[in-house]
Amino acid sequence: MRVAVAVEDATARASMMNALRASPAVDVVAWADSLEPLLVLGTRADVCLCTAEPPAEDAARLAGTGCAVALGDRDPVAVVLAAAGSPKEPAAAVRRPQLSPRQRDVLIAYVSGSDLLPTIARRLGMDPETVKTHLRRIRAKYAEAGRPAPTRRDLYARALEDGLLAPPR
């Protein structure tokens, strides 16, 4: 189960994430101090754990994506599992493409900044045409998985969704 954590207090958020990561049934895919960054980035999760009731508009936006809201700060795993059992719109299963380690390196280097391809290629010790080939294959794999990523921004969003990059602060 994919879980996002939206808790303002950094210490409480870290504690909850550690507890959730200890559960084999839970995959923490994103975290932030509020729901807004998660909504803006289009984070795909089955459950969003919060310690305070989110604004009605944000809760409605989450429900529209098939994400349930879990409230509580005592036992995060129990709260999340209970929320996952509650009725909600079924979310489509997110398919993650199988990227090779080198493709992951290229993807992360490409979306982590705004460097030009020759600069990225030099940093990775590759020819620029090889980097382009990797990017074409990465894009093809995402399209095959039903998650097209034709632009750098789209690839950045996919890398965030798949946990290859930490969400921005």
C-alpha atoms as a PDB file:
ATOM      1  CA  MET A   1       0.000   0.000   0.000  1.00  0.00           C
ATOM      2  CA  ARG A   2       1.389   3.402  -1.039  1.00  0.00           C
ATOM      3  CA  VAL A   3       1.279   5.967   1.777  1.00  0.00           C
ATOM      4  CA  ALA A   4       1.971   9.699   1.811  1.00  0.00           C
ATOM      5  CA  VAL A   5       2.639  11.489   5.108  1.00  0.00           C
ATOM      6  CA  ALA A   6       1.526  15.115   5.530  1.00  0.00           C
ATOM      7  CA  VAL A   7       2.525  16.221   9.034  1.00  0.00           C
ATOM      8  CA  GLU A   8       3.727  19.716   9.915  1.00  0.00           C
ATOM      9  CA  ASP A   9       6.009  18.776  12.826  1.00  0.00           C
ATOM     10  CA  ALA A  10       9.233  17.342  11.348  1.00  0.00           C
ATOM     11  CA  THR A  11       9.983  15.177  14.395  1.00  0.00           C
ATOM     12  CA  ALA A  12       6.501  13.653  14.457  1.00  0.00           C
ATOM     13  CA  ARG A  13       6.642  13.154  10.677  1.00  0.00           C
ATOM     14  CA  ALA A  14       9.992  11.319  10.919  1.00  0.00           C
ATOM     15  CA  SER A  15       8.718   9.141  13.761  1.00  0.00           C
ATOM     16  CA  MET A  16       5.598   8.189  11.792  1.00  0.00           C
ATOM     17  CA  MET A  17       7.589   7.450   8.660  1.00  0.00           C
ATOM     18  CA  ASN A  18       9.966   5.185  10.593  1.00  0.00           C
ATOM     19  CA  ALA A  19       7.028   3.263  12.051  1.00  0.00           C
ATOM     20  CA  LEU A  20       5.398   2.951   8.624  1.00  0.00           C
ATOM     21  CA  ARG A  21       8.615   1.829   6.934  1.00  0.00           C
ATOM     22  CA  ALA A  22       8.921  -0.981   9.483  1.00  0.00           C
ATOM     23  CA  SER A  23       5.662  -2.478   8.187  1.00  0.00           C
ATOM     24  CA  PRO A  24       5.998  -4.741   5.137  1.00  0.00           C
ATOM     25  CA  ALA A  25       2.464  -3.801   4.068  1.00  0.00           C
ATOM     26  CA  VAL A  26       3.334  -0.118   3.672  1.00  0.00           C
ATOM     27  CA  ASP A  27       5.421   1.759   1.101  1.00  0.00           C
ATOM     28  CA  VAL A  28       6.024   5.407   2.085  1.00  0.00           C
ATOM     29  CA  VAL A  29       6.089   7.186  -1.275  1.00  0.00           C
ATOM     30  CA  ALA A  30       6.027  10.855  -0.249  1.00  0.00           C
ATOM     31  CA  TRP A  31       6.114  13.193   2.718  1.00  0.00           C
ATOM     32  CA  ALA A  32       5.615  16.900   3.287  1.00  0.00           C
ATOM     33  CA  ASP A  33       4.617  19.390   5.974  1.00  0.00           C
ATOM     34  CA  SER A  34       1.161  19.833   4.392  1.00  0.00           C
ATOM     35  CA  LEU A  35      -1.056  18.333   1.696  1.00  0.00           C
ATOM     36  CA  GLU A  36      -0.459  21.143  -0.774  1.00  0.00           C
ATOM     37  CA  PRO A  37       2.953  19.959  -2.097  1.00  0.00           C
ATOM     38  CA  LEU A  38       1.633  16.412  -2.423  1.00  0.00           C
ATOM     39  CA  LEU A  39      -1.389  17.615  -4.377  1.00  0.00           C
ATOM     40  CA  VAL A  40       0.618  19.978  -6.588  1.00  0.00           C
ATOM     41  CA  LEU A  41       3.079  17.227  -7.509  1.00  0.00           C
ATOM     42  CA  GLY A  42       0.263  14.777  -8.199  1.00  0.00           C
ATOM     43  CA  THR A  43       1.559  12.235  -5.710  1.00  0.00           C
ATOM     44  CA  ARG A  44      -0.175   8.898  -6.150  1.00  0.00           C
ATOM     45  CA  ALA A  45      -0.929   7.199  -2.857  1.00  0.00           C
ATOM     46  CA  ASP A  46      -3.581   4.890  -1.472  1.00  0.00           C
ATOM     47  CA  VAL A  47      -3.623   6.614   1.934  1.00  0.00           C
ATOM     48  CA  CYS A  48      -2.451  10.023   3.150  1.00  0.00           C
ATOM     49  CA  LEU A  49      -1.603  10.122   6.865  1.00  0.00           C
ATOM     50  CA  CYS A  50      -2.295  13.449   8.616  1.00  0.00           C
ATOM     51  CA  THR A  51      -2.368  14.494  12.280  1.00  0.00           C
ATOM     52  CA  ALA A  52      -4.914  17.267  11.694  1.00  0.00           C
ATOM     53  CA  GLU A  53      -8.108  17.336   9.650  1.00  0.00           C
ATOM     54  CA  PRO A  54      -7.186  18.628   6.165  1.00  0.00           C
ATOM     55  CA  PRO A  55      -9.191  21.430   4.548  1.00  0.00           C
ATOM     56  CA  ALA A  56     -12.342  20.087   2.885  1.00  0.00           C
ATOM     57  CA  GLU A  57     -11.131  21.124  -0.571  1.00  0.00           C
ATOM     58  CA  ASP A  58      -7.845  19.223  -0.163  1.00  0.00           C
ATOM     59  CA  ALA A  59      -9.650  16.150   1.188  1.00  0.00           C
ATOM     60  CA  ALA A  60     -11.969  16.235  -1.829  1.00  0.00           C
ATOM     61  CA  ARG A  61      -9.014  16.490  -4.216  1.00  0.00           C
ATOM     62  CA  LEU A  62      -7.403  13.483  -2.512  1.00  0.00           C
ATOM     63  CA  ALA A  63     -10.635  11.491  -2.692  1.00  0.00           C
ATOM     64  CA  GLY A  64     -10.804  12.301  -6.400  1.00  0.00           C
ATOM     65  CA  THR A  65      -7.491  10.517  -6.900  1.00  0.00           C
ATOM     66  CA  GLY A  66      -8.640   7.485  -4.917  1.00  0.00           C
ATOM     67  CA  CYS A  67      -6.589   8.356  -1.840  1.00  0.00           C
ATOM     68  CA  ALA A  68      -8.095   7.922   1.626  1.00  0.00           C
ATOM     69  CA  VAL A  69      -7.213  10.292   4.474  1.00  0.00           C
ATOM     70  CA  ALA A  70      -6.003   8.715   7.716  1.00  0.00           C
ATOM     71  CA  LEU A  71      -6.077  10.830  10.862  1.00  0.00           C
ATOM     72  CA  GLY A  72      -4.139  10.029  13.995  1.00  0.00           C
ATOM     73  CA  ASP A  73      -0.755  10.092  15.609  1.00  0.00           C
ATOM     74  CA  ARG A  74      -0.783   7.122  18.020  1.00  0.00           C
ATOM     75  CA  ASP A  75      -0.122   3.987  15.942  1.00  0.00           C
ATOM     76  CA  PRO A  76       0.447   5.109  12.334  1.00  0.00           C
ATOM     77  CA  VAL A  77       0.391   1.588  10.878  1.00  0.00           C
ATOM     78  CA  ALA A  78      -2.969   0.754  12.484  1.00  0.00           C
ATOM     79  CA  VAL A  79      -4.425   4.122  11.431  1.00  0.00           C
ATOM     80  CA  VAL A  80      -3.264   3.656   7.829  1.00  0.00           C
ATOM     81  CA  LEU A  81      -4.497   0.060   7.612  1.00  0.00           C
ATOM     82  CA  ALA A  82      -7.875   1.088   9.019  1.00  0.00           C
ATOM     83  CA  ALA A  83      -8.162   3.927   6.497  1.00  0.00           C
ATOM     84  CA  ALA A  84      -7.188   1.610   3.658  1.00  0.00           C
ATOM     85  CA  GLY A  85     -10.098  -0.625   4.596  1.00  0.00           C
ATOM     86  CA  SER A  86     -12.540   2.267   4.482  1.00  0.00           C
ATOM     87  CA  PRO A  87     -14.587   2.696   1.314  1.00  0.00           C
ATOM     88  CA  LYS A  88     -13.040   4.956  -1.263  1.00  0.00           C
ATOM     89  CA  GLU A  89     -12.878   5.272  -5.014  1.00  0.00           C
ATOM     90  CA  PRO A  90     -10.709   2.485  -6.404  1.00  0.00           C
ATOM     91  CA  ALA A  91      -7.358   3.812  -7.556  1.00  0.00           C
ATOM     92  CA  ALA A  92      -5.872   2.427 -10.707  1.00  0.00           C
ATOM     93  CA  ALA A  93      -2.817   0.317 -10.009  1.00  0.00           C
ATOM     94  CA  VAL A  94       0.318   2.296 -10.765  1.00  0.00           C
ATOM     95  CA  ARG A  95       2.717   0.372 -12.938  1.00  0.00           C
ATOM     96  CA  ARG A  96       6.385   1.160 -12.469  1.00  0.00           C
ATOM     97  CA  PRO A  97       8.652   0.472 -15.419  1.00  0.00           C
ATOM     98  CA  GLN A  98      11.668  -1.752 -14.843  1.00  0.00           C
ATOM     99  CA  LEU A  99      14.580   0.625 -15.367  1.00  0.00           C
ATOM    100  CA  SER A 100      18.126  -0.649 -15.465  1.00  0.00           C
ATOM    101  CA  PRO A 101      20.560   0.823 -12.915  1.00  0.00           C
ATOM    102  CA  ARG A 102      22.173   2.922 -15.667  1.00  0.00           C
ATOM    103  CA  GLN A 103      18.761   4.175 -16.834  1.00  0.00           C
ATOM    104  CA  ARG A 104      17.989   5.210 -13.248  1.00  0.00           C
ATOM    105  CA  ASP A 105      21.316   7.075 -13.103  1.00  0.00           C
ATOM    106  CA  VAL A 106      20.537   8.879 -16.359  1.00  0.00           C
ATOM    107  CA  LEU A 107      16.970   9.696 -15.274  1.00  0.00           C
ATOM    108  CA  ILE A 108      18.083  11.118 -11.916  1.00  0.00           C
ATOM    109  CA  ALA A 109      20.910  13.145 -13.482  1.00  0.00           C
ATOM    110  CA  TYR A 110      18.553  14.482 -16.166  1.00  0.00           C
ATOM    111  CA  VAL A 111      15.688  15.536 -13.895  1.00  0.00           C
ATOM    112  CA  SER A 112      17.748  16.731 -10.907  1.00  0.00           C
ATOM    113  CA  GLY A 113      18.636  20.018 -12.538  1.00  0.00           C
ATOM    114  CA  SER A 114      18.464  21.993 -15.728  1.00  0.00           C
ATOM    115  CA  ASP A 115      21.841  21.031 -17.160  1.00  0.00           C
ATOM    116  CA  LEU A 116      22.134  20.498 -20.893  1.00  0.00           C
ATOM    117  CA  LEU A 117      22.591  16.987 -22.258  1.00  0.00           C
ATOM    118  CA  PRO A 118      26.323  17.414 -23.009  1.00  0.00           C
ATOM    119  CA  THR A 119      26.920  18.448 -19.393  1.00  0.00           C
ATOM    120  CA  ILE A 120      24.935  15.490 -18.074  1.00  0.00           C
ATOM    121  CA  ALA A 121      26.754  13.141 -20.444  1.00  0.00           C
ATOM    122  CA  ARG A 122      30.146  14.450 -19.316  1.00  0.00           C
ATOM    123  CA  ARG A 123      29.183  14.026 -15.655  1.00  0.00           C
ATOM    124  CA  LEU A 124      28.060  10.436 -16.294  1.00  0.00           C
ATOM    125  CA  GLY A 125      31.063   9.612 -18.494  1.00  0.00           C
ATOM    126  CA  MET A 126      28.859   8.964 -21.519  1.00  0.00           C
ATOM    127  CA  ASP A 127      28.452  10.246 -25.039  1.00  0.00           C
ATOM    128  CA  PRO A 128      25.509  12.703 -25.419  1.00  0.00           C
ATOM    129  CA  GLU A 129      23.912  10.391 -28.008  1.00  0.00           C
ATOM    130  CA  THR A 130      24.002   7.541 -25.483  1.00  0.00           C
ATOM    131  CA  VAL A 131      22.214   9.728 -22.947  1.00  0.00           C
ATOM    132  CA  LYS A 132      19.572  10.527 -25.591  1.00  0.00           C
ATOM    133  CA  THR A 133      19.158   6.810 -26.304  1.00  0.00           C
ATOM    134  CA  HIS A 134      18.692   6.068 -22.589  1.00  0.00           C
ATOM    135  CA  LEU A 135      16.111   8.876 -22.312  1.00  0.00           C
ATOM    136  CA  ARG A 136      14.192   7.544 -25.345  1.00  0.00           C
ATOM    137  CA  ARG A 137      14.111   4.074 -23.795  1.00  0.00           C
ATOM    138  CA  ILE A 138      13.071   5.456 -20.386  1.00  0.00           C
ATOM    139  CA  ARG A 139      10.247   7.423 -22.006  1.00  0.00           C
ATOM    140  CA  ALA A 140       9.167   4.339 -23.972  1.00  0.00           C
ATOM    141  CA  LYS A 141       9.045   2.255 -20.780  1.00  0.00           C
ATOM    142  CA  TYR A 142       6.929   4.883 -19.007  1.00  0.00           C
ATOM    143  CA  ALA A 143       4.587   5.099 -22.013  1.00  0.00           C
ATOM    144  CA  GLU A 144       4.298   1.294 -22.057  1.00  0.00           C
ATOM    145  CA  ALA A 145       3.409   1.403 -18.352  1.00  0.00           C
ATOM    146  CA  GLY A 146       0.588   3.845 -19.150  1.00  0.00           C
ATOM    147  CA  ARG A 147       2.393   6.805 -17.602  1.00  0.00           C
ATOM    148  CA  PRO A 148       3.749   8.834 -20.532  1.00  0.00           C
ATOM    149  CA  ALA A 149       6.547  11.288 -19.806  1.00  0.00           C
ATOM    150  CA  PRO A 150       7.336  13.271 -22.958  1.00  0.00           C
ATOM    151  CA  THR A 151       8.995  16.217 -21.196  1.00  0.00           C
ATOM    152  CA  ARG A 152      11.705  16.697 -18.584  1.00  0.00           C
ATOM    153  CA  ARG A 153       9.044  17.933 -16.157  1.00  0.00           C
ATOM    154  CA  ASP A 154       6.994  14.764 -16.713  1.00  0.00           C
ATOM    155  CA  LEU A 155      10.065  12.597 -16.112  1.00  0.00           C
ATOM    156  CA  TYR A 156      10.704  14.555 -12.905  1.00  0.00           C
ATOM    157  CA  ALA A 157       7.144  13.835 -11.733  1.00  0.00           C
ATOM    158  CA  ARG A 158       7.531  10.125 -12.551  1.00  0.00           C
ATOM    159  CA  ALA A 159      10.837   9.962 -10.639  1.00  0.00           C
ATOM    160  CA  LEU A 160       9.107  11.532  -7.615  1.00  0.00           C
ATOM    161  CA  GLU A 161       6.132   9.176  -7.881  1.00  0.00           C
ATOM    162  CA  ASP A 162       8.395   6.146  -8.096  1.00  0.00           C
ATOM    163  CA  GLY A 163      10.517   7.225  -5.120  1.00  0.00           C
ATOM    164  CA  LEU A 164      13.693   7.754  -7.165  1.00  0.00           C
ATOM    165  CA  LEU A 165      13.918  11.351  -5.879  1.00  0.00           C
ATOM    166  CA  ALA A 166      12.973  12.874  -2.544  1.00  0.00           C
ATOM    167  CA  PRO A 167      10.173  15.468  -2.756  1.00  0.00           C
ATOM    168  CA  PRO A 168      11.377  19.068  -2.768  1.00  0.00           C
ATOM    169  CA  ARG A 169      11.355  20.929   0.514  1.00  0.00           C
END
